[in-house]
Amino acid sequence: MDTPPLSGSDSDSDESQVTDRELQDAFSRGLLKPGLNVVLDGPKKAVNDVSGLKQCLAEFKRDLEWVERLDVTLGPVPEISGPRSTSENKDQKAVDPEDDFQREMSFYRQAQAAVLSVLPRLHQLKVPTKRPTDYFAEMAKSDQQMQKIRQKLQAKQAAMEKSEKAKQLRALRKYGKKVQTEVLQKRQREKTHMMNAIKKYQKGFSDKLDFLEGDQKPVARRTKEGAKGQQMKKGPSAKRRYKNQKFGFGGKKKGSKWNTRESYDDVSSFRAKTAHGKGLKRPGKKGSNKRPGKRTREKMKSRAR
C-alpha cells in the first residue's frame, strides 16, 4: 500500500485519518517528515466486507442452549391493562431521552417484563431463582477497610452513648434536687403535724398516740380523729380518765372491803399455812441457832472463870 508524500503543513484532525500501521510503514520507508499531521489526498473509503463480517460472526458464534445464554428480547410491560393499553404501547417507543425519570421508568418496565416472562421458564427447567440461606459471598471491600469502618462506627456509637449518659446525669441531678426539696418539705410537714398532735394530747384534746408511729397519713388520722371526736365529747377528757385511773375515780369509799357472795365463794387466795400461824419463816431467824448478844457472852465468860 503506497502512502502519499507527507508534508509538515498543519491540518485539522478530522481530515487526517492515518492508522498506526500506515505510520509504521511510512516511517520504515523514510517518508516521514518533521511534523505531527499527515495530509491525505482524499477521504478514506469505507469498506463493507460482508463476507469477512459473516466469517467473524461464525467464529465466535456458539449454538448453546437458552439456559446457558439467558437472553430475552421484550418490550416494556404495559402500565394499565385496558383499552388504553394499545395506544400506550404505540407511544412507548416515543420515550424522551432527555427526561431522566421517563427513561429510567422505561428501563424498569422493560426489566420487569423480562423477569415476568423468564421466571416461569426457569421454574419449568428447575433452575433455582432464590439465594440459599447459607450462601457465602465475598465482600467487595477488604477486611482492613471493613475493620476501619467498624472502628469508626463503634467510636461514633460510644460518643453517642457518652453524650446520652451525660444528659441522663444532668436530668437525674435536677430530679434529685427536686426530690430532696420534696422530702425536706414532707419532713417539715410531718414534724409540724406531730408537734400539734403532742400539744393536743398534753392539753387533753386527744387521747391517741398514733402520731408516734409516723407511718399513717395525716389525712387518715384526721378522719379517724374526726370520727371518734364526737364520742370523746360525751365522756370525760383523756386527762381526767388518766387521773381517775391513777388516783381513783371518786364515788363510794365505805364498804369497799365488805364481803359479797362472790368473794365469799372465792377461796382461790386461801393458804392453810398462813391461816394457822405457820407463816413462812425467814432463813437465819431460828431460835436454836440464834447467836447471843455481846453482854450475854461476857457474862457467860465471867461465870466460866
C-alpha atoms as a PDB file:
ATOM      1  CA  MET A   1       0.000   0.000   0.000  1.00  0.00           C
ATOM      2  CA  ASP A   2       1.519   3.284  -1.148  1.00  0.00           C
ATOM      3  CA  THR A   3       1.232   6.263   1.119  1.00  0.00           C
ATOM      4  CA  PRO A   4       1.154   9.798  -0.235  1.00  0.00           C
ATOM      5  CA  PRO A   5       4.065  12.089   0.492  1.00  0.00           C
ATOM      6  CA  LEU A   6       3.934  13.591   3.936  1.00  0.00           C
ATOM      7  CA  SER A   7       4.354  17.299   4.497  1.00  0.00           C
ATOM      8  CA  GLY A   8       4.718  19.434   7.593  1.00  0.00           C
ATOM      9  CA  SER A   9       1.725  21.632   6.885  1.00  0.00           C
ATOM     10  CA  ASP A  10      -0.962  21.794   9.598  1.00  0.00           C
ATOM     11  CA  SER A  11      -4.425  20.413   9.009  1.00  0.00           C
ATOM     12  CA  ASP A  12      -7.492  19.535  11.005  1.00  0.00           C
ATOM     13  CA  SER A  13      -7.616  16.279  12.935  1.00  0.00           C
ATOM     14  CA  ASP A  14     -10.788  15.284  11.105  1.00  0.00           C
ATOM     15  CA  GLU A  15      -9.044  15.283   7.728  1.00  0.00           C
ATOM     16  CA  SER A  16      -6.093  13.160   8.857  1.00  0.00           C
ATOM     17  CA  GLN A  17      -7.212   9.558   9.322  1.00  0.00           C
ATOM     18  CA  VAL A  18      -3.959   7.597   9.458  1.00  0.00           C
ATOM     19  CA  THR A  19      -3.692   4.301  11.271  1.00  0.00           C
ATOM     20  CA  ASP A  20      -0.727   3.114  13.296  1.00  0.00           C
ATOM     21  CA  ARG A  21       0.215   0.554  10.647  1.00  0.00           C
ATOM     22  CA  GLU A  22       0.380   3.195   7.949  1.00  0.00           C
ATOM     23  CA  LEU A  23       2.562   5.376  10.126  1.00  0.00           C
ATOM     24  CA  GLN A  24       4.893   2.476  10.791  1.00  0.00           C
ATOM     25  CA  ASP A  25       5.155   1.726   7.058  1.00  0.00           C
ATOM     26  CA  ALA A  26       5.835   5.355   6.253  1.00  0.00           C
ATOM     27  CA  PHE A  27       8.477   5.524   8.970  1.00  0.00           C
ATOM     28  CA  SER A  28      10.201   2.409   7.686  1.00  0.00           C
ATOM     29  CA  ARG A  29      10.354   3.866   4.147  1.00  0.00           C
ATOM     30  CA  GLY A  30      11.664   7.177   5.415  1.00  0.00           C
ATOM     31  CA  LEU A  31       8.744   9.171   4.145  1.00  0.00           C
ATOM     32  CA  LEU A  32       8.008  10.861   7.459  1.00  0.00           C
ATOM     33  CA  LYS A  33       9.000  14.471   7.733  1.00  0.00           C
ATOM     34  CA  PRO A  34       9.057  16.789  10.733  1.00  0.00           C
ATOM     35  CA  GLY A  35       5.512  17.487  11.815  1.00  0.00           C
ATOM     36  CA  LEU A  36       2.599  15.943  13.577  1.00  0.00           C
ATOM     37  CA  ASN A  37      -0.094  15.660  10.893  1.00  0.00           C
ATOM     38  CA  VAL A  38      -0.330  13.759   7.653  1.00  0.00           C
ATOM     39  CA  VAL A  39      -2.219  15.267   4.726  1.00  0.00           C
ATOM     40  CA  LEU A  40      -4.204  12.829   2.567  1.00  0.00           C
ATOM     41  CA  ASP A  41      -5.356  13.452  -0.943  1.00  0.00           C
ATOM     42  CA  GLY A  42      -8.960  12.320  -0.302  1.00  0.00           C
ATOM     43  CA  PRO A  43     -11.158  10.831   2.374  1.00  0.00           C
ATOM     44  CA  LYS A  44     -10.652   7.220   3.297  1.00  0.00           C
ATOM     45  CA  LYS A  45     -13.054   4.858   1.588  1.00  0.00           C
ATOM     46  CA  ALA A  46     -15.241   2.744   3.858  1.00  0.00           C
ATOM     47  CA  VAL A  47     -15.006  -0.953   3.133  1.00  0.00           C
ATOM     48  CA  ASN A  48     -18.133  -3.067   3.605  1.00  0.00           C
ATOM     49  CA  ASP A  49     -16.687  -6.561   3.790  1.00  0.00           C
ATOM     50  CA  VAL A  50     -19.835  -8.643   4.234  1.00  0.00           C
ATOM     51  CA  SER A  51     -18.109 -11.974   3.812  1.00  0.00           C
ATOM     52  CA  GLY A  52     -15.456 -11.041   6.389  1.00  0.00           C
ATOM     53  CA  LEU A  53     -18.104  -9.959   8.875  1.00  0.00           C
ATOM     54  CA  LYS A  54     -20.000 -13.206   8.427  1.00  0.00           C
ATOM     55  CA  GLN A  55     -16.777 -15.126   8.885  1.00  0.00           C
ATOM     56  CA  CYS A  56     -16.050 -13.315  12.168  1.00  0.00           C
ATOM     57  CA  LEU A  57     -19.615 -13.912  13.325  1.00  0.00           C
ATOM     58  CA  ALA A  58     -19.284 -17.620  12.599  1.00  0.00           C
ATOM     59  CA  GLU A  59     -16.039 -17.759  14.589  1.00  0.00           C
ATOM     60  CA  PHE A  60     -17.391 -16.510  17.941  1.00  0.00           C
ATOM     61  CA  LYS A  61     -20.976 -17.709  17.483  1.00  0.00           C
ATOM     62  CA  ARG A  62     -21.894 -20.765  19.573  1.00  0.00           C
ATOM     63  CA  ASP A  63     -25.029 -22.838  19.373  1.00  0.00           C
ATOM     64  CA  LEU A  64     -25.751 -23.111  23.123  1.00  0.00           C
ATOM     65  CA  GLU A  65     -28.956 -23.830  24.980  1.00  0.00           C
ATOM     66  CA  TRP A  66     -31.074 -20.999  26.339  1.00  0.00           C
ATOM     67  CA  VAL A  67     -30.159 -21.884  29.944  1.00  0.00           C
ATOM     68  CA  GLU A  68     -26.545 -21.096  29.112  1.00  0.00           C
ATOM     69  CA  ARG A  69     -27.409 -17.863  27.281  1.00  0.00           C
ATOM     70  CA  LEU A  70     -30.384 -16.491  29.287  1.00  0.00           C
ATOM     71  CA  ASP A  71     -31.120 -13.918  26.605  1.00  0.00           C
ATOM     72  CA  VAL A  72     -34.561 -12.463  26.043  1.00  0.00           C
ATOM     73  CA  THR A  73     -35.796  -9.537  23.999  1.00  0.00           C
ATOM     74  CA  LEU A  74     -39.027  -7.916  25.091  1.00  0.00           C
ATOM     75  CA  GLY A  75     -40.679  -4.551  25.180  1.00  0.00           C
ATOM     76  CA  PRO A  76     -41.649  -2.732  28.378  1.00  0.00           C
ATOM     77  CA  VAL A  77     -44.545  -4.073  30.371  1.00  0.00           C
ATOM     78  CA  PRO A  78     -47.765  -2.075  29.930  1.00  0.00           C
ATOM     79  CA  GLU A  79     -48.733   0.159  32.809  1.00  0.00           C
ATOM     80  CA  ILE A  80     -52.544  -0.229  32.551  1.00  0.00           C
ATOM     81  CA  SER A  81     -54.308  -3.308  31.239  1.00  0.00           C
ATOM     82  CA  GLY A  82     -57.354  -1.972  29.353  1.00  0.00           C
ATOM     83  CA  PRO A  83     -58.479  -0.202  26.219  1.00  0.00           C
ATOM     84  CA  ARG A  84     -55.779   2.401  26.617  1.00  0.00           C
ATOM     85  CA  SER A  85     -53.008  -0.184  26.574  1.00  0.00           C
ATOM     86  CA  THR A  86     -52.879  -0.343  22.773  1.00  0.00           C
ATOM     87  CA  SER A  87     -52.482   3.404  22.421  1.00  0.00           C
ATOM     88  CA  GLU A  88     -49.864   3.438  25.149  1.00  0.00           C
ATOM     89  CA  ASN A  89     -47.915   0.613  23.501  1.00  0.00           C
ATOM     90  CA  LYS A  90     -47.693   2.726  20.380  1.00  0.00           C
ATOM     91  CA  ASP A  91     -46.335   5.639  22.359  1.00  0.00           C
ATOM     92  CA  GLN A  92     -43.837   3.511  24.263  1.00  0.00           C
ATOM     93  CA  LYS A  93     -41.254   3.910  21.540  1.00  0.00           C
ATOM     94  CA  ALA A  94     -41.530   7.685  21.753  1.00  0.00           C
ATOM     95  CA  VAL A  95     -39.533   7.977  25.001  1.00  0.00           C
ATOM     96  CA  ASP A  96     -37.854  11.324  25.548  1.00  0.00           C
ATOM     97  CA  PRO A  97     -34.161  10.525  26.146  1.00  0.00           C
ATOM     98  CA  GLU A  98     -33.678  13.865  27.885  1.00  0.00           C
ATOM     99  CA  ASP A  99     -36.288  13.046  30.547  1.00  0.00           C
ATOM    100  CA  ASP A 100     -34.396  11.099  33.210  1.00  0.00           C
ATOM    101  CA  PHE A 101     -37.494   9.846  35.016  1.00  0.00           C
ATOM    102  CA  GLN A 102     -39.210   8.654  31.839  1.00  0.00           C
ATOM    103  CA  ARG A 103     -36.037   6.989  30.594  1.00  0.00           C
ATOM    104  CA  GLU A 104     -35.423   5.155  33.896  1.00  0.00           C
ATOM    105  CA  MET A 105     -39.060   4.078  34.068  1.00  0.00           C
ATOM    106  CA  SER A 106     -38.807   2.586  30.577  1.00  0.00           C
ATOM    107  CA  PHE A 107     -35.718   0.606  31.678  1.00  0.00           C
ATOM    108  CA  TYR A 108     -37.534  -0.557  34.805  1.00  0.00           C
ATOM    109  CA  ARG A 109     -40.647  -1.659  32.909  1.00  0.00           C
ATOM    110  CA  GLN A 110     -38.593  -3.497  30.306  1.00  0.00           C
ATOM    111  CA  ALA A 111     -36.650  -5.343  33.017  1.00  0.00           C
ATOM    112  CA  GLN A 112     -39.934  -6.148  34.773  1.00  0.00           C
ATOM    113  CA  ALA A 113     -41.354  -7.626  31.585  1.00  0.00           C
ATOM    114  CA  ALA A 114     -38.230  -9.758  31.133  1.00  0.00           C
ATOM    115  CA  VAL A 115     -38.472 -11.085  34.700  1.00  0.00           C
ATOM    116  CA  LEU A 116     -42.171 -11.911  34.363  1.00  0.00           C
ATOM    117  CA  SER A 117     -41.566 -13.887  31.185  1.00  0.00           C
ATOM    118  CA  VAL A 118     -38.357 -15.637  32.267  1.00  0.00           C
ATOM    119  CA  LEU A 119     -39.257 -16.787  35.820  1.00  0.00           C
ATOM    120  CA  PRO A 120     -41.893 -19.375  34.766  1.00  0.00           C
ATOM    121  CA  ARG A 121     -39.500 -20.706  32.165  1.00  0.00           C
ATOM    122  CA  LEU A 122     -36.742 -21.102  34.768  1.00  0.00           C
ATOM    123  CA  HIS A 123     -39.141 -22.858  37.121  1.00  0.00           C
ATOM    124  CA  GLN A 124     -40.035 -25.322  34.373  1.00  0.00           C
ATOM    125  CA  LEU A 125     -36.350 -26.032  33.845  1.00  0.00           C
ATOM    126  CA  LYS A 126     -35.922 -26.446  37.661  1.00  0.00           C
ATOM    127  CA  VAL A 127     -33.371 -23.672  37.886  1.00  0.00           C
ATOM    128  CA  PRO A 128     -33.189 -22.113  41.391  1.00  0.00           C
ATOM    129  CA  THR A 129     -34.031 -18.424  41.395  1.00  0.00           C
ATOM    130  CA  LYS A 130     -33.551 -17.644  45.101  1.00  0.00           C
ATOM    131  CA  ARG A 131     -30.321 -17.439  47.024  1.00  0.00           C
ATOM    132  CA  PRO A 132     -29.849 -20.197  49.640  1.00  0.00           C
ATOM    133  CA  THR A 133     -29.751 -19.297  53.312  1.00  0.00           C
ATOM    134  CA  ASP A 134     -26.152 -20.482  53.726  1.00  0.00           C
ATOM    135  CA  TYR A 135     -24.897 -18.564  50.699  1.00  0.00           C
ATOM    136  CA  PHE A 136     -21.461 -17.039  51.269  1.00  0.00           C
ATOM    137  CA  ALA A 137     -20.423 -14.111  49.102  1.00  0.00           C
ATOM    138  CA  GLU A 138     -17.036 -12.488  49.159  1.00  0.00           C
ATOM    139  CA  MET A 139     -17.029  -8.870  50.230  1.00  0.00           C
ATOM    140  CA  ALA A 140     -16.122  -6.277  47.668  1.00  0.00           C
ATOM    141  CA  LYS A 141     -14.110  -4.412  50.314  1.00  0.00           C
ATOM    142  CA  SER A 142     -11.144  -5.847  52.147  1.00  0.00           C
ATOM    143  CA  ASP A 143     -11.142  -6.872  55.800  1.00  0.00           C
ATOM    144  CA  GLN A 144      -8.907  -3.940  56.713  1.00  0.00           C
ATOM    145  CA  GLN A 145     -11.350  -1.461  55.208  1.00  0.00           C
ATOM    146  CA  MET A 146     -14.288  -3.100  56.966  1.00  0.00           C
ATOM    147  CA  GLN A 147     -12.322  -3.055  60.229  1.00  0.00           C
ATOM    148  CA  LYS A 148     -11.757   0.677  59.850  1.00  0.00           C
ATOM    149  CA  ILE A 149     -15.457   1.205  59.189  1.00  0.00           C
ATOM    150  CA  ARG A 150     -16.330  -0.895  62.205  1.00  0.00           C
ATOM    151  CA  GLN A 151     -13.980   1.060  64.461  1.00  0.00           C
ATOM    152  CA  LYS A 152     -15.419   4.314  63.197  1.00  0.00           C
ATOM    153  CA  LEU A 153     -18.967   3.134  63.850  1.00  0.00           C
ATOM    154  CA  GLN A 154     -18.025   1.927  67.329  1.00  0.00           C
ATOM    155  CA  ALA A 155     -16.368   5.250  68.147  1.00  0.00           C
ATOM    156  CA  LYS A 156     -19.436   7.107  66.914  1.00  0.00           C
ATOM    157  CA  GLN A 157     -21.737   4.875  68.963  1.00  0.00           C
ATOM    158  CA  ALA A 158     -19.551   5.296  72.059  1.00  0.00           C
ATOM    159  CA  ALA A 159     -19.657   9.090  71.661  1.00  0.00           C
ATOM    160  CA  MET A 160     -23.444   8.983  71.348  1.00  0.00           C
ATOM    161  CA  GLU A 161     -23.748   6.788  74.443  1.00  0.00           C
ATOM    162  CA  LYS A 162     -21.443   9.115  76.374  1.00  0.00           C
ATOM    163  CA  SER A 163     -23.481  12.174  75.444  1.00  0.00           C
ATOM    164  CA  GLU A 164     -26.701  10.339  76.293  1.00  0.00           C
ATOM    165  CA  LYS A 165     -25.306   9.319  79.670  1.00  0.00           C
ATOM    166  CA  ALA A 166     -24.278  12.911  80.359  1.00  0.00           C
ATOM    167  CA  LYS A 167     -27.805  14.063  79.544  1.00  0.00           C
ATOM    168  CA  GLN A 168     -29.248  11.445  81.879  1.00  0.00           C
ATOM    169  CA  LEU A 169     -26.881  12.507  84.676  1.00  0.00           C
ATOM    170  CA  ARG A 170     -27.930  16.126  84.275  1.00  0.00           C
ATOM    171  CA  ALA A 171     -31.576  15.107  84.329  1.00  0.00           C
ATOM    172  CA  LEU A 172     -31.003  12.950  87.415  1.00  0.00           C
ATOM    173  CA  ARG A 173     -29.283  15.824  89.199  1.00  0.00           C
ATOM    174  CA  LYS A 174     -32.233  18.081  88.533  1.00  0.00           C
ATOM    175  CA  TYR A 175     -34.628  15.343  89.592  1.00  0.00           C
ATOM    176  CA  GLY A 176     -32.532  14.616  92.702  1.00  0.00           C
ATOM    177  CA  LYS A 177     -32.683  18.244  93.777  1.00  0.00           C
ATOM    178  CA  LYS A 178     -36.425  18.259  93.233  1.00  0.00           C
ATOM    179  CA  VAL A 179     -36.882  15.059  95.232  1.00  0.00           C
ATOM    180  CA  GLN A 180     -34.648  16.380  98.010  1.00  0.00           C
ATOM    181  CA  THR A 181     -36.699  19.541  98.368  1.00  0.00           C
ATOM    182  CA  GLU A 182     -39.904  17.490  98.366  1.00  0.00           C
ATOM    183  CA  VAL A 183     -38.541  15.184 101.075  1.00  0.00           C
ATOM    184  CA  LEU A 184     -37.483  18.130 103.231  1.00  0.00           C
ATOM    185  CA  GLN A 185     -40.889  19.724 102.862  1.00  0.00           C
ATOM    186  CA  LYS A 186     -42.579  16.427 103.718  1.00  0.00           C
ATOM    187  CA  ARG A 187     -40.449  16.034 106.854  1.00  0.00           C
ATOM    188  CA  GLN A 188     -41.261  19.587 107.893  1.00  0.00           C
ATOM    189  CA  ARG A 189     -44.989  18.926 107.453  1.00  0.00           C
ATOM    190  CA  GLU A 190     -44.757  15.677 109.461  1.00  0.00           C
ATOM    191  CA  LYS A 191     -42.844  17.441 112.223  1.00  0.00           C
ATOM    192  CA  THR A 192     -45.420  20.225 112.394  1.00  0.00           C
ATOM    193  CA  HIS A 193     -48.247  17.707 112.485  1.00  0.00           C
ATOM    194  CA  MET A 194     -46.562  15.712 115.271  1.00  0.00           C
ATOM    195  CA  MET A 195     -45.961  18.815 117.387  1.00  0.00           C
ATOM    196  CA  ASN A 196     -49.608  19.795 117.006  1.00  0.00           C
ATOM    197  CA  ALA A 197     -50.708  16.274 117.982  1.00  0.00           C
ATOM    198  CA  ILE A 198     -48.435  16.323 121.056  1.00  0.00           C
ATOM    199  CA  LYS A 199     -49.838  19.661 122.148  1.00  0.00           C
ATOM    200  CA  LYS A 200     -53.385  18.371 121.749  1.00  0.00           C
ATOM    201  CA  TYR A 201     -52.529  15.283 123.774  1.00  0.00           C
ATOM    202  CA  GLN A 202     -50.921  17.331 126.556  1.00  0.00           C
ATOM    203  CA  LYS A 203     -53.921  19.608 126.758  1.00  0.00           C
ATOM    204  CA  GLY A 204     -56.360  16.681 126.811  1.00  0.00           C
ATOM    205  CA  PHE A 205     -57.981  17.376 123.454  1.00  0.00           C
ATOM    206  CA  SER A 206     -56.953  13.955 122.165  1.00  0.00           C
ATOM    207  CA  ASP A 207     -56.118  10.574 123.712  1.00  0.00           C
ATOM    208  CA  LYS A 208     -54.442   8.935 120.701  1.00  0.00           C
ATOM    209  CA  LEU A 209     -50.790   8.137 120.356  1.00  0.00           C
ATOM    210  CA  ASP A 210     -50.907   7.262 116.661  1.00  0.00           C
ATOM    211  CA  PHE A 211     -48.668  10.185 115.813  1.00  0.00           C
ATOM    212  CA  LEU A 212     -45.771   8.335 117.437  1.00  0.00           C
ATOM    213  CA  GLU A 213     -45.875   5.665 114.708  1.00  0.00           C
ATOM    214  CA  GLY A 214     -45.270   8.148 111.907  1.00  0.00           C
ATOM    215  CA  ASP A 215     -46.387   5.757 109.142  1.00  0.00           C
ATOM    216  CA  GLN A 216     -50.017   6.724 108.906  1.00  0.00           C
ATOM    217  CA  LYS A 217     -51.048   9.542 106.651  1.00  0.00           C
ATOM    218  CA  PRO A 218     -52.186  12.741 108.351  1.00  0.00           C
ATOM    219  CA  VAL A 219     -55.390  12.723 106.319  1.00  0.00           C
ATOM    220  CA  ALA A 220     -56.323   9.272 107.610  1.00  0.00           C
ATOM    221  CA  ARG A 221     -55.529  10.300 111.169  1.00  0.00           C
ATOM    222  CA  ARG A 222     -57.648  13.406 110.802  1.00  0.00           C
ATOM    223  CA  THR A 223     -60.587  11.372 109.551  1.00  0.00           C
ATOM    224  CA  LYS A 224     -60.228   8.933 112.447  1.00  0.00           C
ATOM    225  CA  GLU A 225     -59.894  11.773 114.937  1.00  0.00           C
ATOM    226  CA  GLY A 226     -62.957  13.449 113.472  1.00  0.00           C
ATOM    227  CA  ALA A 227     -64.959  10.204 113.616  1.00  0.00           C
ATOM    228  CA  LYS A 228     -64.120   9.475 117.244  1.00  0.00           C
ATOM    229  CA  GLY A 229     -64.015  13.073 118.427  1.00  0.00           C
ATOM    230  CA  GLN A 230     -67.776  13.093 118.853  1.00  0.00           C
ATOM    231  CA  GLN A 231     -67.592  10.129 121.239  1.00  0.00           C
ATOM    232  CA  MET A 232     -64.880  11.911 123.237  1.00  0.00           C
ATOM    233  CA  LYS A 233     -67.079  14.913 123.864  1.00  0.00           C
ATOM    234  CA  LYS A 234     -69.735  12.801 125.608  1.00  0.00           C
ATOM    235  CA  GLY A 235     -67.408  11.383 128.320  1.00  0.00           C
ATOM    236  CA  PRO A 236     -64.582  12.833 130.408  1.00  0.00           C
ATOM    237  CA  SER A 237     -61.388  14.020 128.789  1.00  0.00           C
ATOM    238  CA  ALA A 238     -58.269  11.921 128.434  1.00  0.00           C
ATOM    239  CA  LYS A 239     -56.524  13.824 131.223  1.00  0.00           C
ATOM    240  CA  ARG A 240     -59.409  13.186 133.605  1.00  0.00           C
ATOM    241  CA  ARG A 241     -59.511   9.483 132.741  1.00  0.00           C
ATOM    242  CA  TYR A 242     -55.764   9.142 133.295  1.00  0.00           C
ATOM    243  CA  LYS A 243     -56.009  10.757 136.749  1.00  0.00           C
ATOM    244  CA  ASN A 244     -59.004   8.608 137.627  1.00  0.00           C
ATOM    245  CA  GLN A 245     -57.023   5.536 136.709  1.00  0.00           C
ATOM    246  CA  LYS A 246     -54.034   6.644 138.786  1.00  0.00           C
ATOM    247  CA  PHE A 247     -55.629   8.216 141.874  1.00  0.00           C
ATOM    248  CA  GLY A 248     -59.150   6.832 141.832  1.00  0.00           C
ATOM    249  CA  PHE A 249     -62.274   7.960 140.173  1.00  0.00           C
ATOM    250  CA  GLY A 250     -64.277   9.059 143.259  1.00  0.00           C
ATOM    251  CA  GLY A 251     -67.564   7.550 144.306  1.00  0.00           C
ATOM    252  CA  LYS A 252     -68.375   5.239 147.249  1.00  0.00           C
ATOM    253  CA  LYS A 253     -65.469   4.543 149.606  1.00  0.00           C
ATOM    254  CA  LYS A 254     -67.162   2.848 152.596  1.00  0.00           C
ATOM    255  CA  GLY A 255     -67.845  -0.820 152.483  1.00  0.00           C
ATOM    256  CA  SER A 256     -65.270  -1.372 149.741  1.00  0.00           C
ATOM    257  CA  LYS A 257     -63.820  -4.307 151.734  1.00  0.00           C
ATOM    258  CA  TRP A 258     -67.098  -5.956 152.612  1.00  0.00           C
ATOM    259  CA  ASN A 259     -67.575  -9.494 151.564  1.00  0.00           C
ATOM    260  CA  THR A 260     -70.011 -10.321 148.880  1.00  0.00           C
ATOM    261  CA  ARG A 261     -71.485 -13.608 147.720  1.00  0.00           C
ATOM    262  CA  GLU A 262     -68.870 -13.871 145.002  1.00  0.00           C
ATOM    263  CA  SER A 263     -65.959 -13.032 147.327  1.00  0.00           C
ATOM    264  CA  TYR A 264     -67.267 -15.436 149.981  1.00  0.00           C
ATOM    265  CA  ASP A 265     -67.428 -18.296 147.494  1.00  0.00           C
ATOM    266  CA  ASP A 266     -63.980 -17.446 146.090  1.00  0.00           C
ATOM    267  CA  VAL A 267     -61.358 -19.464 148.011  1.00  0.00           C
ATOM    268  CA  SER A 268     -58.602 -19.237 145.397  1.00  0.00           C
ATOM    269  CA  SER A 269     -56.492 -16.984 147.650  1.00  0.00           C
ATOM    270  CA  PHE A 270     -56.763 -19.215 150.766  1.00  0.00           C
ATOM    271  CA  ARG A 271     -53.439 -20.507 152.220  1.00  0.00           C
ATOM    272  CA  ALA A 272     -53.538 -23.032 155.029  1.00  0.00           C
ATOM    273  CA  LYS A 273     -50.070 -22.247 156.409  1.00  0.00           C
ATOM    274  CA  THR A 274     -50.811 -18.595 156.651  1.00  0.00           C
ATOM    275  CA  ALA A 275     -54.224 -19.171 158.208  1.00  0.00           C
ATOM    276  CA  HIS A 276     -52.885 -21.451 161.068  1.00  0.00           C
ATOM    277  CA  GLY A 277     -49.970 -19.238 162.075  1.00  0.00           C
ATOM    278  CA  LYS A 278     -47.417 -21.251 160.224  1.00  0.00           C
ATOM    279  CA  GLY A 279     -46.232 -18.476 158.053  1.00  0.00           C
ATOM    280  CA  LEU A 280     -43.102 -18.658 156.048  1.00  0.00           C
ATOM    281  CA  LYS A 281     -40.026 -18.391 158.293  1.00  0.00           C
ATOM    282  CA  ARG A 282     -37.164 -16.302 157.062  1.00  0.00           C
ATOM    283  CA  PRO A 283     -33.757 -18.017 156.939  1.00  0.00           C
ATOM    284  CA  GLY A 284     -31.365 -17.171 159.773  1.00  0.00           C
ATOM    285  CA  LYS A 285     -34.110 -16.340 162.281  1.00  0.00           C
ATOM    286  CA  LYS A 286     -34.326 -19.749 164.026  1.00  0.00           C
ATOM    287  CA  GLY A 287     -34.174 -19.652 167.900  1.00  0.00           C
ATOM    288  CA  SER A 288     -31.790 -22.588 168.303  1.00  0.00           C
ATOM    289  CA  ASN A 289     -29.186 -21.159 166.029  1.00  0.00           C
ATOM    290  CA  LYS A 290     -29.508 -17.594 167.264  1.00  0.00           C
ATOM    291  CA  ARG A 291     -26.205 -16.120 168.494  1.00  0.00           C
ATOM    292  CA  PRO A 292     -26.343 -14.447 171.969  1.00  0.00           C
ATOM    293  CA  GLY A 293     -25.535 -10.834 172.387  1.00  0.00           C
ATOM    294  CA  LYS A 294     -22.213  -9.317 173.422  1.00  0.00           C
ATOM    295  CA  ARG A 295     -23.063  -8.726 177.113  1.00  0.00           C
ATOM    296  CA  THR A 296     -24.556 -12.180 177.372  1.00  0.00           C
ATOM    297  CA  ARG A 297     -21.375 -13.664 176.004  1.00  0.00           C
ATOM    298  CA  GLU A 298     -19.245 -11.661 178.557  1.00  0.00           C
ATOM    299  CA  LYS A 299     -21.431 -12.823 181.426  1.00  0.00           C
ATOM    300  CA  MET A 300     -21.033 -16.387 180.213  1.00  0.00           C
ATOM    301  CA  LYS A 301     -17.254 -15.970 180.167  1.00  0.00           C
ATOM    302  CA  SER A 302     -17.153 -14.493 183.723  1.00  0.00           C
ATOM    303  CA  ARG A 303     -19.227 -17.315 185.079  1.00  0.00           C
ATOM    304  CA  ALA A 304     -16.959 -19.844 183.498  1.00  0.00           C
ATOM    305  CA  ARG A 305     -13.940 -18.376 185.402  1.00  0.00           C
END
